[in-house]
Amino acid sequence: MEHNAKILLADDSHAIRFLVSEILTNAGFTVIEAEDGQEAIDKTYKENPDLLILDYEMPHKTGFDVVREVRSRTGYLHTPIIIFTAVSDKSTKLEGLGLDIDDYLTKPADEDEIVARVKLLLKRNKQKMDCNPLTRLPGNPSIQARVEQEIASGRTFAVLYCDLNNFKSFNDKYGFEAGDRVLKTESQIIVSAAMQDPASFVGHIGGDDFIVVCSFDKADTIAQEITSKTDAVAPSFYNEEDRTNGYMISTNRKGETEKFNFLSIGIGIVHNTKKPLTSFAMVSNIGSELKCLAKKHENGSFYVMDRRGA
């Protein structure tokens, strides 16, 4: 596990990057380097590292700026972050107190200490994460906690239950690696759409099931964006023959050949504007029901908003 974990190392000093990179590589880690704060942010989103080591003082953006930016994204709430500082002064650490920084290292750091702290944080994080290993999105315990938090708050909110159509037949024909690519792409589409509500939450229930918790007034536009972007990207997962045909031929569960439409998504939207939602179980049951309705739609992606009153 921890070995071969990806570590992003950001420092504007070439000498320090060279030294620390060598220490971590020798310990079996993969190191991605960045020489300023902006590059650190860009590479974090591109490479999805398992841990960040950030110099406190860097050009363009400081280590703390990077932490603020990265922590504002759903997928990186739990990524361990170590701040490298040349000074052990209290004020720097105090400044970082509200920022959810996992550890500090004072330069020049000792080789054994660097490796030991990195290993400890990765181990702790693995235990802490109930996240889906593929999409890095929070799993069921976090999803339930967030929905219960919304119920308790008394606000109006919506929960989008999202489920891919024809995913099993796609997996059977194109293989699991291709299936994983689909899930990663879909998770990015959902996370990006959910950004229309800065306070939204995205979770991965498992398999091809995702969930978005958001304010009620943003639910419609988020669902629209997820459905249209899913339909736009779907053909790109297929080979040329299937793309030309506009469908895929594969064997069904009875072993007969059958035509399958391209991947699409069905979304059921549960909300509390017409009737109170009182428990997570209630939200899940209504969500599953609506999602099944949305999946019956034949052509492309579709979403169903609960229109029923109390």
C-alpha atoms as a PDB file:
ATOM      1  CA  MET A   1       0.000   0.000   0.000  1.00  0.00           C
ATOM      2  CA  GLU A   2       2.006   3.004   1.240  1.00  0.00           C
ATOM      3  CA  HIS A   3       4.845   2.133  -1.027  1.00  0.00           C
ATOM      4  CA  ASN A   4       4.378   3.535  -4.434  1.00  0.00           C
ATOM      5  CA  ALA A   5       1.999   6.099  -3.022  1.00  0.00           C
ATOM      6  CA  LYS A   6       2.218   9.330  -5.054  1.00  0.00           C
ATOM      7  CA  ILE A   7       3.620  12.352  -3.259  1.00  0.00           C
ATOM      8  CA  LEU A   8       3.495  15.913  -4.532  1.00  0.00           C
ATOM      9  CA  LEU A   9       6.540  17.878  -3.387  1.00  0.00           C
ATOM     10  CA  ALA A  10       6.331  21.649  -3.884  1.00  0.00           C
ATOM     11  CA  ASP A  11       9.305  23.876  -3.068  1.00  0.00           C
ATOM     12  CA  ASP A  12      10.889  26.751  -4.957  1.00  0.00           C
ATOM     13  CA  SER A  13      14.379  25.594  -3.949  1.00  0.00           C
ATOM     14  CA  HIS A  14      15.789  23.183  -6.508  1.00  0.00           C
ATOM     15  CA  ALA A  15      18.319  21.852  -3.978  1.00  0.00           C
ATOM     16  CA  ILE A  16      15.642  20.992  -1.405  1.00  0.00           C
ATOM     17  CA  ARG A  17      13.430  19.379  -4.043  1.00  0.00           C
ATOM     18  CA  PHE A  18      16.337  17.283  -5.264  1.00  0.00           C
ATOM     19  CA  LEU A  19      17.271  16.157  -1.746  1.00  0.00           C
ATOM     20  CA  VAL A  20      13.773  15.354  -0.451  1.00  0.00           C
ATOM     21  CA  SER A  21      12.745  13.750  -3.730  1.00  0.00           C
ATOM     22  CA  GLU A  22      15.707  11.390  -3.502  1.00  0.00           C
ATOM     23  CA  ILE A  23      14.877  10.494   0.123  1.00  0.00           C
ATOM     24  CA  LEU A  24      11.256   9.691  -0.756  1.00  0.00           C
ATOM     25  CA  THR A  25      12.091   7.825  -3.981  1.00  0.00           C
ATOM     26  CA  ASN A  26      14.595   5.669  -2.100  1.00  0.00           C
ATOM     27  CA  ALA A  27      11.832   4.881   0.416  1.00  0.00           C
ATOM     28  CA  GLY A  28       9.689   3.528  -2.440  1.00  0.00           C
ATOM     29  CA  PHE A  29       7.409   6.499  -3.157  1.00  0.00           C
ATOM     30  CA  THR A  30       6.602   8.124  -6.496  1.00  0.00           C
ATOM     31  CA  VAL A  31       7.407  11.855  -6.356  1.00  0.00           C
ATOM     32  CA  ILE A  32       5.823  14.615  -8.443  1.00  0.00           C
ATOM     33  CA  GLU A  33       7.644  17.953  -8.174  1.00  0.00           C
ATOM     34  CA  ALA A  34       6.338  21.501  -8.382  1.00  0.00           C
ATOM     35  CA  GLU A  35       8.354  24.697  -8.010  1.00  0.00           C
ATOM     36  CA  ASP A  36       5.640  27.161  -7.029  1.00  0.00           C
ATOM     37  CA  GLY A  37       2.166  27.260  -5.495  1.00  0.00           C
ATOM     38  CA  GLN A  38       0.197  27.487  -8.730  1.00  0.00           C
ATOM     39  CA  GLU A  39       2.040  24.522 -10.252  1.00  0.00           C
ATOM     40  CA  ALA A  40       1.355  22.593  -7.029  1.00  0.00           C
ATOM     41  CA  ILE A  41      -2.406  23.194  -7.429  1.00  0.00           C
ATOM     42  CA  ASP A  42      -2.410  22.281 -11.142  1.00  0.00           C
ATOM     43  CA  LYS A  43      -0.452  19.066 -10.559  1.00  0.00           C
ATOM     44  CA  THR A  44      -2.636  18.080  -7.602  1.00  0.00           C
ATOM     45  CA  TYR A  45      -5.743  18.080  -9.832  1.00  0.00           C
ATOM     46  CA  LYS A  46      -3.920  16.412 -12.715  1.00  0.00           C
ATOM     47  CA  GLU A  47      -2.040  13.706 -10.798  1.00  0.00           C
ATOM     48  CA  ASN A  48      -4.269  13.070  -7.760  1.00  0.00           C
ATOM     49  CA  PRO A  49      -1.388  12.568  -5.283  1.00  0.00           C
ATOM     50  CA  ASP A  50      -1.869  10.576  -2.058  1.00  0.00           C
ATOM     51  CA  LEU A  51      -0.062  13.200   0.035  1.00  0.00           C
ATOM     52  CA  LEU A  52       1.216  16.779  -0.390  1.00  0.00           C
ATOM     53  CA  ILE A  53       4.420  18.280   1.009  1.00  0.00           C
ATOM     54  CA  LEU A  54       4.288  22.054   0.534  1.00  0.00           C
ATOM     55  CA  ASP A  55       6.884  24.700   1.252  1.00  0.00           C
ATOM     56  CA  TYR A  56       5.378  27.522   3.318  1.00  0.00           C
ATOM     57  CA  GLU A  57       6.931  30.343   1.277  1.00  0.00           C
ATOM     58  CA  MET A  58       6.618  29.945  -2.493  1.00  0.00           C
ATOM     59  CA  PRO A  59       6.127  32.285  -5.464  1.00  0.00           C
ATOM     60  CA  HIS A  60       2.626  32.827  -6.957  1.00  0.00           C
ATOM     61  CA  LYS A  61       0.875  31.093  -4.073  1.00  0.00           C
ATOM     62  CA  THR A  62       2.082  30.222  -0.584  1.00  0.00           C
ATOM     63  CA  GLY A  63       1.764  26.761   0.914  1.00  0.00           C
ATOM     64  CA  PHE A  64      -1.273  27.966   2.865  1.00  0.00           C
ATOM     65  CA  ASP A  65      -2.891  29.345  -0.326  1.00  0.00           C
ATOM     66  CA  VAL A  66      -2.485  25.915  -1.880  1.00  0.00           C
ATOM     67  CA  VAL A  67      -4.088  24.256   1.169  1.00  0.00           C
ATOM     68  CA  ARG A  68      -7.081  26.624   1.015  1.00  0.00           C
ATOM     69  CA  GLU A  69      -7.601  25.979  -2.688  1.00  0.00           C
ATOM     70  CA  VAL A  70      -7.170  22.181  -2.537  1.00  0.00           C
ATOM     71  CA  ARG A  71      -9.344  21.733   0.551  1.00  0.00           C
ATOM     72  CA  SER A  72     -12.227  23.546  -1.162  1.00  0.00           C
ATOM     73  CA  ARG A  73     -12.668  20.621  -3.577  1.00  0.00           C
ATOM     74  CA  THR A  74     -14.713  17.572  -2.565  1.00  0.00           C
ATOM     75  CA  GLY A  75     -12.149  15.023  -3.743  1.00  0.00           C
ATOM     76  CA  TYR A  76      -9.293  16.436  -1.630  1.00  0.00           C
ATOM     77  CA  LEU A  77     -10.899  16.964   1.769  1.00  0.00           C
ATOM     78  CA  HIS A  78      -8.916  14.089   3.250  1.00  0.00           C
ATOM     79  CA  THR A  79      -5.619  14.250   1.337  1.00  0.00           C
ATOM     80  CA  PRO A  80      -2.837  14.481   3.974  1.00  0.00           C
ATOM     81  CA  ILE A  81      -0.830  17.716   3.811  1.00  0.00           C
ATOM     82  CA  ILE A  82       2.557  18.456   5.362  1.00  0.00           C
ATOM     83  CA  ILE A  83       3.873  22.026   5.454  1.00  0.00           C
ATOM     84  CA  PHE A  84       7.626  22.560   5.130  1.00  0.00           C
ATOM     85  CA  THR A  85       8.825  25.632   6.964  1.00  0.00           C
ATOM     86  CA  ALA A  86      12.315  27.044   7.437  1.00  0.00           C
ATOM     87  CA  VAL A  87      11.290  28.480  10.772  1.00  0.00           C
ATOM     88  CA  SER A  88       9.784  26.721  13.721  1.00  0.00           C
ATOM     89  CA  ASP A  89       8.076  29.957  14.690  1.00  0.00           C
ATOM     90  CA  LYS A  90       4.743  29.741  16.380  1.00  0.00           C
ATOM     91  CA  SER A  91       3.010  32.416  14.300  1.00  0.00           C
ATOM     92  CA  THR A  92       3.245  30.394  11.064  1.00  0.00           C
ATOM     93  CA  LYS A  93       1.667  27.370  12.737  1.00  0.00           C
ATOM     94  CA  LEU A  94      -0.990  29.548  14.351  1.00  0.00           C
ATOM     95  CA  GLU A  95      -1.823  31.025  10.959  1.00  0.00           C
ATOM     96  CA  GLY A  96      -2.351  27.517   9.607  1.00  0.00           C
ATOM     97  CA  LEU A  97      -4.489  26.349  12.520  1.00  0.00           C
ATOM     98  CA  GLY A  98      -7.875  26.635  10.826  1.00  0.00           C
ATOM     99  CA  LEU A  99      -6.600  25.101   7.602  1.00  0.00           C
ATOM    100  CA  ASP A 100      -6.664  21.382   8.313  1.00  0.00           C
ATOM    101  CA  ILE A 101      -2.926  20.792   7.918  1.00  0.00           C
ATOM    102  CA  ASP A 102      -1.853  17.351   9.083  1.00  0.00           C
ATOM    103  CA  ASP A 103       1.774  17.984  10.005  1.00  0.00           C
ATOM    104  CA  TYR A 104       4.701  20.419   9.934  1.00  0.00           C
ATOM    105  CA  LEU A 105       8.338  19.709   9.118  1.00  0.00           C
ATOM    106  CA  THR A 106      11.071  22.190   9.934  1.00  0.00           C
ATOM    107  CA  LYS A 107      13.965  22.543   7.479  1.00  0.00           C
ATOM    108  CA  PRO A 108      16.463  21.044   7.323  1.00  0.00           C
ATOM    109  CA  ALA A 109      14.465  17.911   8.066  1.00  0.00           C
ATOM    110  CA  ASP A 110      16.099  14.658   8.964  1.00  0.00           C
ATOM    111  CA  GLU A 111      15.807  11.849   6.390  1.00  0.00           C
ATOM    112  CA  ASP A 112      14.319   9.275   8.787  1.00  0.00           C
ATOM    113  CA  GLU A 113      11.845  11.777  10.161  1.00  0.00           C
ATOM    114  CA  ILE A 114      10.519  12.706   6.695  1.00  0.00           C
ATOM    115  CA  VAL A 115       9.928   9.058   5.753  1.00  0.00           C
ATOM    116  CA  ALA A 116       8.423   8.163   9.143  1.00  0.00           C
ATOM    117  CA  ARG A 117       5.949  11.074   9.099  1.00  0.00           C
ATOM    118  CA  VAL A 118       4.889  10.396   5.509  1.00  0.00           C
ATOM    119  CA  LYS A 119       4.282   6.700   6.260  1.00  0.00           C
ATOM    120  CA  LEU A 120       2.333   7.482   9.415  1.00  0.00           C
ATOM    121  CA  LEU A 121       0.064   9.998   7.665  1.00  0.00           C
ATOM    122  CA  LEU A 122      -0.641   7.646   4.761  1.00  0.00           C
ATOM    123  CA  LYS A 123      -1.473   4.831   7.149  1.00  0.00           C
ATOM    124  CA  ARG A 124      -3.764   7.040   9.232  1.00  0.00           C
ATOM    125  CA  ASN A 125      -5.461   8.380   6.154  1.00  0.00           C
ATOM    126  CA  LYS A 126      -6.196   4.903   4.851  1.00  0.00           C
ATOM    127  CA  GLN A 127      -7.983   4.091   8.095  1.00  0.00           C
ATOM    128  CA  LYS A 128      -9.847   7.409   8.081  1.00  0.00           C
ATOM    129  CA  MET A 129     -11.049   7.196   4.508  1.00  0.00           C
ATOM    130  CA  ASP A 130     -14.277   5.539   3.712  1.00  0.00           C
ATOM    131  CA  CYS A 131     -13.636   6.884   0.238  1.00  0.00           C
ATOM    132  CA  ASN A 132     -14.048   4.956  -2.959  1.00  0.00           C
ATOM    133  CA  PRO A 133     -10.493   4.021  -4.048  1.00  0.00           C
ATOM    134  CA  LEU A 134     -11.228   4.652  -7.737  1.00  0.00           C
ATOM    135  CA  THR A 135     -13.016   8.020  -7.684  1.00  0.00           C
ATOM    136  CA  ARG A 136     -11.726   9.274  -4.307  1.00  0.00           C
ATOM    137  CA  LEU A 137     -15.271  10.361  -3.451  1.00  0.00           C
ATOM    138  CA  PRO A 138     -16.687   9.803   0.046  1.00  0.00           C
ATOM    139  CA  GLY A 139     -18.557   6.518   0.581  1.00  0.00           C
ATOM    140  CA  ASN A 140     -21.668   5.474   2.474  1.00  0.00           C
ATOM    141  CA  PRO A 141     -20.835   6.534   6.066  1.00  0.00           C
ATOM    142  CA  SER A 142     -20.081  10.110   4.899  1.00  0.00           C
ATOM    143  CA  ILE A 143     -23.137  10.148   2.614  1.00  0.00           C
ATOM    144  CA  GLN A 144     -25.469   9.115   5.423  1.00  0.00           C
ATOM    145  CA  ALA A 145     -23.904  11.654   7.815  1.00  0.00           C
ATOM    146  CA  ARG A 146     -24.333  14.471   5.285  1.00  0.00           C
ATOM    147  CA  VAL A 147     -27.985  13.640   4.511  1.00  0.00           C
ATOM    148  CA  GLU A 148     -28.791  13.418   8.232  1.00  0.00           C
ATOM    149  CA  GLN A 149     -27.063  16.777   8.759  1.00  0.00           C
ATOM    150  CA  GLU A 150     -29.319  18.321   6.074  1.00  0.00           C
ATOM    151  CA  ILE A 151     -32.449  16.798   7.634  1.00  0.00           C
ATOM    152  CA  ALA A 152     -31.467  18.181  11.057  1.00  0.00           C
ATOM    153  CA  SER A 153     -30.702  21.653   9.664  1.00  0.00           C
ATOM    154  CA  GLY A 154     -34.299  22.293   8.626  1.00  0.00           C
ATOM    155  CA  ARG A 155     -33.160  23.828   5.303  1.00  0.00           C
ATOM    156  CA  THR A 156     -34.719  22.959   1.960  1.00  0.00           C
ATOM    157  CA  PHE A 157     -32.394  20.560   0.193  1.00  0.00           C
ATOM    158  CA  ALA A 158     -32.318  18.007  -2.603  1.00  0.00           C
ATOM    159  CA  VAL A 159     -30.571  14.664  -3.046  1.00  0.00           C
ATOM    160  CA  LEU A 160     -29.768  13.411  -6.548  1.00  0.00           C
ATOM    161  CA  TYR A 161     -29.493   9.643  -6.899  1.00  0.00           C
ATOM    162  CA  CYS A 162     -27.463   8.988 -10.080  1.00  0.00           C
ATOM    163  CA  ASP A 163     -27.090   5.596 -11.730  1.00  0.00           C
ATOM    164  CA  LEU A 164     -25.512   4.705 -15.089  1.00  0.00           C
ATOM    165  CA  ASN A 165     -27.577   2.788 -17.658  1.00  0.00           C
ATOM    166  CA  ASN A 166     -26.091  -0.131 -19.665  1.00  0.00           C
ATOM    167  CA  PHE A 167     -22.921  -0.103 -17.555  1.00  0.00           C
ATOM    168  CA  LYS A 168     -22.885  -3.874 -16.966  1.00  0.00           C
ATOM    169  CA  SER A 169     -23.157  -4.732 -20.664  1.00  0.00           C
ATOM    170  CA  PHE A 170     -20.424  -2.141 -21.410  1.00  0.00           C
ATOM    171  CA  ASN A 171     -18.139  -3.729 -18.801  1.00  0.00           C
ATOM    172  CA  ASP A 172     -18.816  -7.207 -20.194  1.00  0.00           C
ATOM    173  CA  LYS A 173     -17.792  -6.176 -23.701  1.00  0.00           C
ATOM    174  CA  TYR A 174     -15.019  -3.629 -23.100  1.00  0.00           C
ATOM    175  CA  GLY A 175     -13.528  -4.937 -19.834  1.00  0.00           C
ATOM    176  CA  PHE A 176     -13.059  -3.529 -16.336  1.00  0.00           C
ATOM    177  CA  GLU A 177     -10.301  -1.059 -17.165  1.00  0.00           C
ATOM    178  CA  ALA A 178     -12.588   0.642 -19.660  1.00  0.00           C
ATOM    179  CA  GLY A 179     -15.358   0.493 -17.056  1.00  0.00           C
ATOM    180  CA  ASP A 180     -13.113   2.192 -14.496  1.00  0.00           C
ATOM    181  CA  ARG A 181     -12.360   4.958 -17.015  1.00  0.00           C
ATOM    182  CA  VAL A 182     -16.095   5.512 -17.420  1.00  0.00           C
ATOM    183  CA  LEU A 183     -16.617   5.741 -13.641  1.00  0.00           C
ATOM    184  CA  LYS A 184     -13.740   8.203 -13.228  1.00  0.00           C
ATOM    185  CA  THR A 185     -15.026  10.394 -16.052  1.00  0.00           C
ATOM    186  CA  GLU A 186     -18.584  10.266 -14.720  1.00  0.00           C
ATOM    187  CA  SER A 187     -17.421  11.204 -11.224  1.00  0.00           C
ATOM    188  CA  GLN A 188     -15.610  14.246 -12.702  1.00  0.00           C
ATOM    189  CA  ILE A 189     -18.774  15.273 -14.609  1.00  0.00           C
ATOM    190  CA  ILE A 190     -20.854  15.012 -11.419  1.00  0.00           C
ATOM    191  CA  VAL A 191     -18.328  16.867  -9.230  1.00  0.00           C
ATOM    192  CA  SER A 192     -17.996  19.620 -11.825  1.00  0.00           C
ATOM    193  CA  ALA A 193     -21.797  20.017 -12.171  1.00  0.00           C
ATOM    194  CA  ALA A 194     -22.231  20.085  -8.387  1.00  0.00           C
ATOM    195  CA  MET A 195     -19.893  23.108  -8.187  1.00  0.00           C
ATOM    196  CA  GLN A 196     -22.892  25.239  -9.187  1.00  0.00           C
ATOM    197  CA  ASP A 197     -23.736  24.967  -5.489  1.00  0.00           C
ATOM    198  CA  PRO A 198     -20.516  25.696  -3.551  1.00  0.00           C
ATOM    199  CA  ALA A 199     -21.942  23.978  -0.448  1.00  0.00           C
ATOM    200  CA  SER A 200     -22.891  20.775  -2.300  1.00  0.00           C
ATOM    201  CA  PHE A 201     -21.628  17.296  -1.432  1.00  0.00           C
ATOM    202  CA  VAL A 202     -20.816  14.468  -3.878  1.00  0.00           C
ATOM    203  CA  GLY A 203     -20.528  10.834  -2.807  1.00  0.00           C
ATOM    204  CA  HIS A 204     -19.936   7.467  -4.497  1.00  0.00           C
ATOM    205  CA  ILE A 205     -22.369   4.854  -3.176  1.00  0.00           C
ATOM    206  CA  GLY A 206     -20.490   2.109  -5.026  1.00  0.00           C
ATOM    207  CA  GLY A 207     -20.353   0.613  -8.523  1.00  0.00           C
ATOM    208  CA  ASP A 208     -22.053   2.990 -10.948  1.00  0.00           C
ATOM    209  CA  ASP A 209     -24.159   4.744  -8.266  1.00  0.00           C
ATOM    210  CA  PHE A 210     -23.407   8.330  -7.226  1.00  0.00           C
ATOM    211  CA  ILE A 211     -25.134  10.880  -5.031  1.00  0.00           C
ATOM    212  CA  VAL A 212     -25.275  14.690  -4.882  1.00  0.00           C
ATOM    213  CA  VAL A 213     -26.628  16.631  -1.907  1.00  0.00           C
ATOM    214  CA  CYS A 214     -27.349  20.275  -2.757  1.00  0.00           C
ATOM    215  CA  SER A 215     -29.689  23.188  -2.179  1.00  0.00           C
ATOM    216  CA  PHE A 216     -33.116  22.593  -3.743  1.00  0.00           C
ATOM    217  CA  ASP A 217     -32.919  25.575  -6.116  1.00  0.00           C
ATOM    218  CA  LYS A 218     -29.751  24.205  -7.776  1.00  0.00           C
ATOM    219  CA  ALA A 219     -30.962  20.602  -8.197  1.00  0.00           C
ATOM    220  CA  ASP A 220     -32.534  21.094 -11.624  1.00  0.00           C
ATOM    221  CA  THR A 221     -29.529  22.799 -13.239  1.00  0.00           C
ATOM    222  CA  ILE A 222     -27.079  20.304 -11.699  1.00  0.00           C
ATOM    223  CA  ALA A 223     -29.150  17.376 -13.039  1.00  0.00           C
ATOM    224  CA  GLN A 224     -29.373  19.038 -16.471  1.00  0.00           C
ATOM    225  CA  GLU A 225     -25.611  19.461 -16.661  1.00  0.00           C
ATOM    226  CA  ILE A 226     -24.905  15.875 -15.550  1.00  0.00           C
ATOM    227  CA  THR A 227     -27.343  14.395 -18.100  1.00  0.00           C
ATOM    228  CA  SER A 228     -26.229  16.536 -21.060  1.00  0.00           C
ATOM    229  CA  LYS A 229     -22.489  16.082 -20.398  1.00  0.00           C
ATOM    230  CA  THR A 230     -22.888  12.330 -19.895  1.00  0.00           C
ATOM    231  CA  ASP A 231     -24.675  12.033 -23.240  1.00  0.00           C
ATOM    232  CA  ALA A 232     -22.032  14.195 -24.927  1.00  0.00           C
ATOM    233  CA  VAL A 233     -19.094  12.115 -23.692  1.00  0.00           C
ATOM    234  CA  ALA A 234     -20.687   8.624 -23.917  1.00  0.00           C
ATOM    235  CA  PRO A 235     -19.833   7.829 -27.593  1.00  0.00           C
ATOM    236  CA  SER A 236     -16.120   8.433 -26.908  1.00  0.00           C
ATOM    237  CA  PHE A 237     -15.957   5.261 -24.768  1.00  0.00           C
ATOM    238  CA  TYR A 238     -16.874   3.008 -27.708  1.00  0.00           C
ATOM    239  CA  ASN A 239     -14.890   1.698 -30.655  1.00  0.00           C
ATOM    240  CA  GLU A 240     -15.393   3.068 -34.145  1.00  0.00           C
ATOM    241  CA  GLU A 241     -17.784   0.334 -35.266  1.00  0.00           C
ATOM    242  CA  ASP A 242     -20.116   0.879 -32.303  1.00  0.00           C
ATOM    243  CA  ARG A 243     -19.906   4.645 -32.711  1.00  0.00           C
ATOM    244  CA  THR A 244     -20.898   4.396 -36.375  1.00  0.00           C
ATOM    245  CA  ASN A 245     -23.821   2.096 -35.495  1.00  0.00           C
ATOM    246  CA  GLY A 246     -24.920   4.307 -32.616  1.00  0.00           C
ATOM    247  CA  TYR A 247     -25.302   1.265 -30.352  1.00  0.00           C
ATOM    248  CA  MET A 248     -23.297  -1.670 -29.002  1.00  0.00           C
ATOM    249  CA  ILE A 249     -23.844  -5.351 -29.725  1.00  0.00           C
ATOM    250  CA  SER A 250     -23.070  -7.636 -26.797  1.00  0.00           C
ATOM    251  CA  THR A 251     -24.404 -10.806 -25.192  1.00  0.00           C
ATOM    252  CA  ASN A 252     -27.143 -10.454 -22.586  1.00  0.00           C
ATOM    253  CA  ARG A 253     -27.564 -12.567 -19.445  1.00  0.00           C
ATOM    254  CA  LYS A 254     -29.196 -15.375 -21.397  1.00  0.00           C
ATOM    255  CA  GLY A 255     -26.170 -15.547 -23.697  1.00  0.00           C
ATOM    256  CA  GLU A 256     -28.050 -14.077 -26.672  1.00  0.00           C
ATOM    257  CA  THR A 257     -26.696 -11.201 -28.734  1.00  0.00           C
ATOM    258  CA  GLU A 258     -28.525  -7.980 -28.119  1.00  0.00           C
ATOM    259  CA  LYS A 259     -28.297  -4.298 -29.072  1.00  0.00           C
ATOM    260  CA  PHE A 260     -27.514  -1.982 -26.178  1.00  0.00           C
ATOM    261  CA  ASN A 261     -27.841   1.791 -26.260  1.00  0.00           C
ATOM    262  CA  PHE A 262     -24.815   3.888 -25.339  1.00  0.00           C
ATOM    263  CA  LEU A 263     -24.097   4.587 -21.683  1.00  0.00           C
ATOM    264  CA  SER A 264     -26.409   7.182 -20.175  1.00  0.00           C
ATOM    265  CA  ILE A 265     -27.449   8.220 -16.683  1.00  0.00           C
ATOM    266  CA  GLY A 266     -30.731   8.090 -14.787  1.00  0.00           C
ATOM    267  CA  ILE A 267     -31.207  10.546 -11.908  1.00  0.00           C
ATOM    268  CA  GLY A 268     -33.934  10.614  -9.257  1.00  0.00           C
ATOM    269  CA  ILE A 269     -34.249  13.874  -7.296  1.00  0.00           C
ATOM    270  CA  VAL A 270     -35.604  13.679  -3.750  1.00  0.00           C
ATOM    271  CA  HIS A 271     -36.347  16.949  -1.916  1.00  0.00           C
ATOM    272  CA  ASN A 272     -38.212  18.310   1.080  1.00  0.00           C
ATOM    273  CA  THR A 273     -40.138  21.224  -0.430  1.00  0.00           C
ATOM    274  CA  LYS A 274     -43.452  19.331  -0.737  1.00  0.00           C
ATOM    275  CA  LYS A 275     -43.174  16.913   2.154  1.00  0.00           C
ATOM    276  CA  PRO A 276     -40.788  16.547   5.092  1.00  0.00           C
ATOM    277  CA  LEU A 277     -37.941  14.042   4.841  1.00  0.00           C
ATOM    278  CA  THR A 278     -37.389  12.543   8.270  1.00  0.00           C
ATOM    279  CA  SER A 279     -34.704   9.882   7.911  1.00  0.00           C
ATOM    280  CA  PHE A 280     -31.863   8.699   5.703  1.00  0.00           C
ATOM    281  CA  ALA A 281     -33.797   5.465   5.006  1.00  0.00           C
ATOM    282  CA  MET A 282     -36.758   7.470   3.746  1.00  0.00           C
ATOM    283  CA  VAL A 283     -34.524   9.539   1.443  1.00  0.00           C
ATOM    284  CA  SER A 284     -32.872   6.352   0.082  1.00  0.00           C
ATOM    285  CA  ASN A 285     -36.174   4.606  -0.582  1.00  0.00           C
ATOM    286  CA  ILE A 286     -37.686   7.538  -2.467  1.00  0.00           C
ATOM    287  CA  GLY A 287     -34.372   8.027  -4.323  1.00  0.00           C
ATOM    288  CA  SER A 288     -34.275   4.401  -5.506  1.00  0.00           C
ATOM    289  CA  GLU A 289     -37.884   4.586  -6.661  1.00  0.00           C
ATOM    290  CA  LEU A 290     -37.345   7.788  -8.677  1.00  0.00           C
ATOM    291  CA  LYS A 291     -34.083   6.530 -10.123  1.00  0.00           C
ATOM    292  CA  CYS A 292     -35.866   3.409 -11.432  1.00  0.00           C
ATOM    293  CA  LEU A 293     -38.414   5.683 -13.126  1.00  0.00           C
ATOM    294  CA  ALA A 294     -35.637   7.747 -14.729  1.00  0.00           C
ATOM    295  CA  LYS A 295     -33.884   4.585 -15.973  1.00  0.00           C
ATOM    296  CA  LYS A 296     -37.021   3.483 -17.876  1.00  0.00           C
ATOM    297  CA  HIS A 297     -36.496   6.394 -20.266  1.00  0.00           C
ATOM    298  CA  GLU A 298     -35.329   4.823 -23.539  1.00  0.00           C
ATOM    299  CA  ASN A 299     -33.193   7.451 -25.255  1.00  0.00           C
ATOM    300  CA  GLY A 300     -30.220   8.945 -23.472  1.00  0.00           C
ATOM    301  CA  SER A 301     -29.967  10.367 -19.977  1.00  0.00           C
ATOM    302  CA  PHE A 302     -32.996  11.488 -18.015  1.00  0.00           C
ATOM    303  CA  TYR A 303     -33.862  12.836 -14.590  1.00  0.00           C
ATOM    304  CA  VAL A 304     -37.053  12.674 -12.555  1.00  0.00           C
ATOM    305  CA  MET A 305     -37.922  15.268  -9.911  1.00  0.00           C
ATOM    306  CA  ASP A 306     -40.285  14.093  -7.147  1.00  0.00           C
ATOM    307  CA  ARG A 307     -43.526  16.002  -7.772  1.00  0.00           C
ATOM    308  CA  ARG A 308     -45.643  14.251  -5.132  1.00  0.00           C
ATOM    309  CA  GLY A 309     -46.980  16.093  -2.090  1.00  0.00           C
ATOM    310  CA  ALA A 310     -47.236  14.768   1.430  1.00  0.00           C
END
